[in-house]
Protein backbone atom coordinates (compact mmCIF):
# COMPACT_ATOMS: atom_id res chain seq x y z
CA MET A 1 26.43 -102.39 31.94
CA GLU A 2 29.91 -100.41 32.32
CA ILE A 3 30.05 -96.81 31.87
CA GLY A 4 33.75 -95.60 31.92
CA PRO A 5 35.52 -99.10 31.98
CA GLY A 6 39.01 -97.34 30.93
CA ILE A 7 41.72 -100.07 30.51
CA GLY A 8 38.83 -102.72 31.47
CA THR A 9 40.44 -103.58 34.94
CA MET A 10 37.03 -103.98 36.35
CA THR A 11 35.42 -105.23 33.22
CA GLN A 12 37.45 -108.12 33.03
CA TYR A 13 36.43 -109.05 36.33
CA LEU A 14 32.74 -108.45 34.75
CA CYS A 15 32.95 -110.71 31.90
CA GLU A 16 33.83 -113.56 34.17
CA SER A 17 30.74 -113.25 36.30
CA ALA A 18 28.19 -112.05 33.61
CA GLY A 19 26.02 -113.25 30.84
CA LYS A 20 26.96 -110.02 28.77
CA VAL A 21 28.50 -106.59 29.31
CA LEU A 22 28.32 -103.68 27.50
CA ALA A 23 31.40 -100.96 28.29
CA VAL A 24 30.68 -97.61 27.26
CA GLU A 25 33.81 -95.33 27.26
CA ILE A 26 34.33 -91.95 26.23
CA ASP A 27 37.95 -91.72 25.57
CA LYS A 28 39.16 -93.01 22.07
CA LYS A 29 42.58 -94.06 23.21
CA CYS A 30 40.99 -96.25 26.21
CA VAL A 31 38.72 -97.87 23.92
CA GLU A 32 41.92 -99.38 21.72
CA ILE A 33 43.75 -100.88 25.01
CA LEU A 34 40.19 -102.02 26.17
CA LYS A 35 39.56 -104.31 22.80
CA GLU A 36 43.04 -105.73 23.56
CA THR A 37 41.97 -106.19 27.37
CA LEU A 38 38.58 -107.99 26.12
CA ALA A 39 40.30 -109.74 23.04
CA GLY A 40 39.80 -113.04 24.26
CA TYR A 41 35.91 -112.46 25.85
CA THR A 42 32.85 -113.34 23.77
CA ASN A 43 30.30 -111.68 26.02
CA ALA A 44 32.09 -108.19 26.17
CA GLU A 45 30.72 -105.19 23.61
CA ILE A 46 31.83 -102.39 23.67
CA ILE A 47 30.50 -98.70 22.79
CA HIS A 48 32.83 -95.38 21.90
CA GLY A 49 31.02 -92.72 23.39
CA ASP A 50 29.48 -90.24 26.62
CA ILE A 51 27.16 -91.94 28.24
CA LEU A 52 25.09 -88.79 28.73
CA LYS A 53 24.86 -88.58 24.29
CA GLN A 54 23.49 -91.78 24.39
CA ASP A 55 20.09 -92.98 24.42
CA ILE A 56 20.63 -95.52 26.89
CA HIS A 57 16.96 -96.49 26.75
CA SER A 58 17.51 -97.83 23.11
CA LEU A 59 20.68 -99.53 24.42
CA ALA A 60 18.94 -101.64 26.50
CA GLU A 61 16.36 -102.98 23.93
CA ARG A 62 19.23 -103.13 21.85
CA TYR A 63 21.73 -105.21 23.99
CA ASN A 64 18.90 -106.84 26.14
CA GLU A 65 16.00 -107.42 24.36
CA GLY A 66 14.30 -104.60 26.93
CA LYS A 67 15.40 -106.60 30.11
CA PRO A 68 16.47 -104.91 33.25
CA VAL A 69 20.21 -103.93 32.99
CA LYS A 70 22.70 -103.95 35.92
CA VAL A 71 24.95 -101.13 35.63
CA VAL A 72 28.42 -100.70 37.59
CA ALA A 73 30.74 -97.89 37.48
CA ASN A 74 33.65 -96.07 39.00
CA LEU A 75 31.99 -92.46 38.35
CA PRO A 76 33.90 -89.35 37.81
CA TYR A 77 33.10 -87.24 40.77
CA TYR A 78 31.89 -84.27 38.95
CA ILE A 79 29.40 -85.91 36.67
CA THR A 80 27.75 -88.56 39.56
CA THR A 81 24.60 -86.78 39.74
CA PRO A 82 23.86 -85.99 36.00
CA ILE A 83 25.13 -89.47 35.30
CA ILE A 84 22.69 -91.44 37.95
CA MET A 85 19.78 -89.32 37.40
CA GLU A 86 19.90 -89.73 33.40
CA LEU A 87 19.84 -93.54 34.27
CA PHE A 88 16.92 -93.21 36.10
CA GLU A 89 14.92 -90.48 33.98
CA SER A 90 15.87 -92.91 30.63
CA ARG A 91 13.20 -94.80 31.98
CA MET A 92 15.38 -98.13 30.71
CA PRO A 93 14.87 -101.32 32.16
CA LEU A 94 17.18 -100.88 35.58
CA ALA A 95 17.58 -103.84 38.15
CA SER A 96 20.29 -101.89 39.91
CA VAL A 97 22.80 -99.06 40.07
CA THR A 98 26.36 -99.92 41.34
CA VAL A 99 28.89 -97.06 42.04
CA MET A 100 32.25 -95.44 43.58
CA ILE A 101 31.69 -92.33 44.11
CA GLN A 102 32.33 -89.28 46.29
CA LYS A 103 31.68 -90.52 50.09
CA GLU A 104 29.76 -87.24 50.81
CA VAL A 105 27.83 -87.65 47.71
CA ALA A 106 27.02 -90.96 48.38
CA GLU A 107 26.20 -90.10 51.98
CA ARG A 108 23.53 -87.87 50.99
CA MET A 109 21.83 -90.18 48.60
CA ASN A 110 21.33 -92.56 51.73
CA ALA A 111 20.15 -89.57 53.93
CA GLU A 112 16.94 -89.90 56.21
CA PRO A 113 14.78 -87.00 57.36
CA GLY A 114 16.20 -84.48 59.87
CA SER A 115 19.37 -85.25 58.94
CA LYS A 116 21.17 -81.84 58.04
CA ILE A 117 22.50 -83.73 54.73
CA TYR A 118 19.03 -85.01 53.45
CA GLY A 119 18.15 -83.37 50.51
CA ALA A 120 16.45 -83.07 46.89
CA ILE A 121 19.26 -85.45 46.17
CA SER A 122 18.39 -88.03 48.98
CA LEU A 123 15.08 -87.45 47.67
CA ALA A 124 15.24 -88.10 43.70
CA VAL A 125 17.58 -91.21 44.29
CA GLN A 126 15.18 -92.67 47.06
CA TYR A 127 12.06 -92.33 44.47
CA TYR A 128 13.67 -94.61 42.07
CA ALA A 129 15.94 -97.01 44.06
CA GLU A 130 16.32 -98.53 47.42
CA THR A 131 19.98 -96.98 48.98
CA HIS A 132 22.60 -99.13 50.82
CA LEU A 133 26.21 -98.04 51.62
CA ALA A 134 28.48 -101.20 50.33
CA ALA A 135 31.65 -99.84 51.45
CA ASN A 136 33.32 -97.13 52.29
CA VAL A 137 36.75 -96.62 50.01
CA PRO A 138 39.66 -93.82 52.00
CA PRO A 139 41.63 -91.86 50.10
CA ASN A 140 44.98 -94.57 50.41
CA CYS A 141 43.56 -97.10 48.82
CA PHE A 142 44.27 -94.56 45.50
CA ILE A 143 47.35 -93.45 43.64
CA PRO A 144 47.47 -90.49 43.72
CA ARG A 145 45.86 -89.88 47.03
CA PRO A 146 42.86 -87.92 46.38
CA GLY A 147 41.47 -85.01 48.71
CA VAL A 148 38.04 -86.77 49.59
CA GLY A 149 36.70 -90.16 50.95
CA SER A 150 35.00 -92.44 48.59
CA ALA A 151 32.23 -94.78 49.09
CA VAL A 152 30.19 -97.46 46.58
CA ILE A 153 26.59 -97.23 46.98
CA HIS A 154 24.03 -100.06 45.60
CA LEU A 155 20.89 -98.57 44.57
CA ALA A 156 18.36 -101.19 43.69
CA CYS A 157 15.93 -100.19 41.53
CA PHE A 158 11.85 -99.88 42.26
CA SER A 159 10.05 -101.87 39.45
CA LYS A 160 7.51 -99.07 40.33
CA PRO A 161 8.15 -95.94 42.81
CA PRO A 162 7.11 -96.22 46.34
CA VAL A 163 5.12 -93.39 46.38
CA ASP A 164 2.02 -92.52 44.18
CA THR A 165 1.70 -89.46 42.90
CA ALA A 166 -0.71 -87.74 40.16
CA ASP A 167 2.08 -85.31 39.13
CA GLU A 168 5.69 -86.37 39.44
CA ARG A 169 6.93 -82.87 37.97
CA LEU A 170 5.11 -81.44 39.98
CA MET A 171 6.39 -83.35 43.20
CA PHE A 172 10.02 -82.76 42.45
CA ARG A 173 9.16 -78.76 41.87
CA ILE A 174 8.20 -78.59 45.62
CA ILE A 175 11.04 -80.83 46.75
CA ARG A 176 13.51 -78.04 44.77
CA ALA A 177 11.32 -75.53 46.56
CA ALA A 178 12.08 -76.78 50.06
CA PHE A 179 15.25 -77.16 49.60
CA ASN A 180 16.73 -74.24 47.65
CA GLN A 181 15.69 -72.10 51.02
CA ARG A 182 15.75 -74.98 52.99
CA ARG A 183 16.22 -72.59 56.32
CA LYS A 184 12.71 -71.07 55.68
CA THR A 185 9.88 -72.95 56.76
CA LEU A 186 8.37 -75.18 54.30
CA GLN A 187 5.27 -72.35 54.30
CA ASN A 188 7.44 -69.77 53.44
CA ALA A 189 9.95 -71.23 51.35
CA LEU A 190 6.90 -72.66 48.62
CA ALA A 191 5.18 -69.54 49.24
CA ASN A 192 8.22 -67.47 48.27
CA SER A 193 9.24 -70.03 45.14
CA GLY A 194 9.05 -69.53 41.44
CA GLU A 195 8.58 -73.28 41.13
CA LEU A 196 5.32 -72.75 42.22
CA SER A 197 2.32 -69.99 42.22
CA LEU A 198 0.94 -70.57 45.82
CA GLY A 199 0.06 -67.60 48.53
CA LYS A 200 1.57 -68.28 51.85
CA GLU A 201 -2.06 -68.33 53.67
CA GLU A 202 -2.91 -70.94 50.75
CA THR A 203 -0.08 -73.20 51.27
CA GLY A 204 -0.60 -72.96 54.74
CA LYS A 205 -4.26 -74.13 54.37
CA ILE A 206 -2.80 -76.98 52.55
CA LEU A 207 -0.57 -77.84 54.97
CA ASP A 208 -2.75 -78.03 57.41
CA SER A 209 -5.39 -79.94 55.78
CA LEU A 210 -2.05 -82.60 55.86
CA GLY A 211 -1.46 -82.69 59.52
CA ILE A 212 2.00 -80.58 58.70
CA ALA A 213 2.51 -77.75 60.83
CA ARG A 214 3.31 -74.93 59.25
CA ASN A 215 6.60 -74.15 61.12
CA ILE A 216 8.14 -77.51 59.99
CA ARG A 217 11.29 -77.45 57.51
CA GLY A 218 11.43 -79.27 53.77
CA GLU A 219 13.93 -81.67 55.47
CA MET A 220 11.69 -83.07 58.24
CA LEU A 221 9.69 -84.41 55.07
CA SER A 222 9.65 -87.62 54.13
CA LEU A 223 8.93 -88.93 50.29
CA GLU A 224 5.93 -90.33 51.38
CA GLN A 225 4.47 -86.87 52.61
CA PHE A 226 6.56 -84.81 49.78
CA ALA A 227 3.93 -87.08 47.59
CA GLY A 228 1.07 -86.05 49.50
CA LEU A 229 1.64 -82.37 49.32
CA ALA A 230 1.95 -82.64 45.71
CA ASN A 231 -1.69 -84.72 44.98
CA ARG A 232 -3.30 -81.88 47.24
CA ILE A 233 -1.54 -79.16 45.68
CA SER A 234 -2.54 -81.04 42.38
CA GLU A 235 -6.19 -80.83 43.09
CA LYS A 236 -6.45 -77.17 44.58
CA THR A 237 -4.70 -75.96 41.32
């Protein structure tokens, strides 16, 4: 599945190597050009529409018999995160997602605990996939030259999440709480958050029970630790 194929420059290469290519394009003018570009390929299907308004789980069922799909795209930078998270959260069968996005965003997705750029998006993506920065694409590769660098990131999707959590939504509420006030200690960030109904002392005791220092910041915790924290809080509430 290619998101935003435009006039089909990359789509043609995909058609040469893939069994079937589903091209989802929002621009009607591009769709007309795309039809001409792909006229010689029998394994290409074009859908005119906004990927964020498609039932992408149903697309996988309809066009790939429910088998895992490989997604590729040069994503518009301003909607990178919504599209990637929609792909993951739709629960469509995904084998991988390979996209060119803004370099800064790619680095955040690939960041590790303790890094200044590690945050909620790092944890969200790494919950669903193993990340790999495949290539840096400097501004001089484009005409006109953009003001930011780009990168290709490959997300190899997990068949099941790498951590066990009893309440996935709770875990992500905790992650949001931790990074909404990232300069605060984790104890204060969780206690002061509208995401959770925990007092400061209760939060501190839960952290103690997990061997997590009360004065640690959320950016130091791994995905596994956030999952453990969510499980313990779920037991208490």
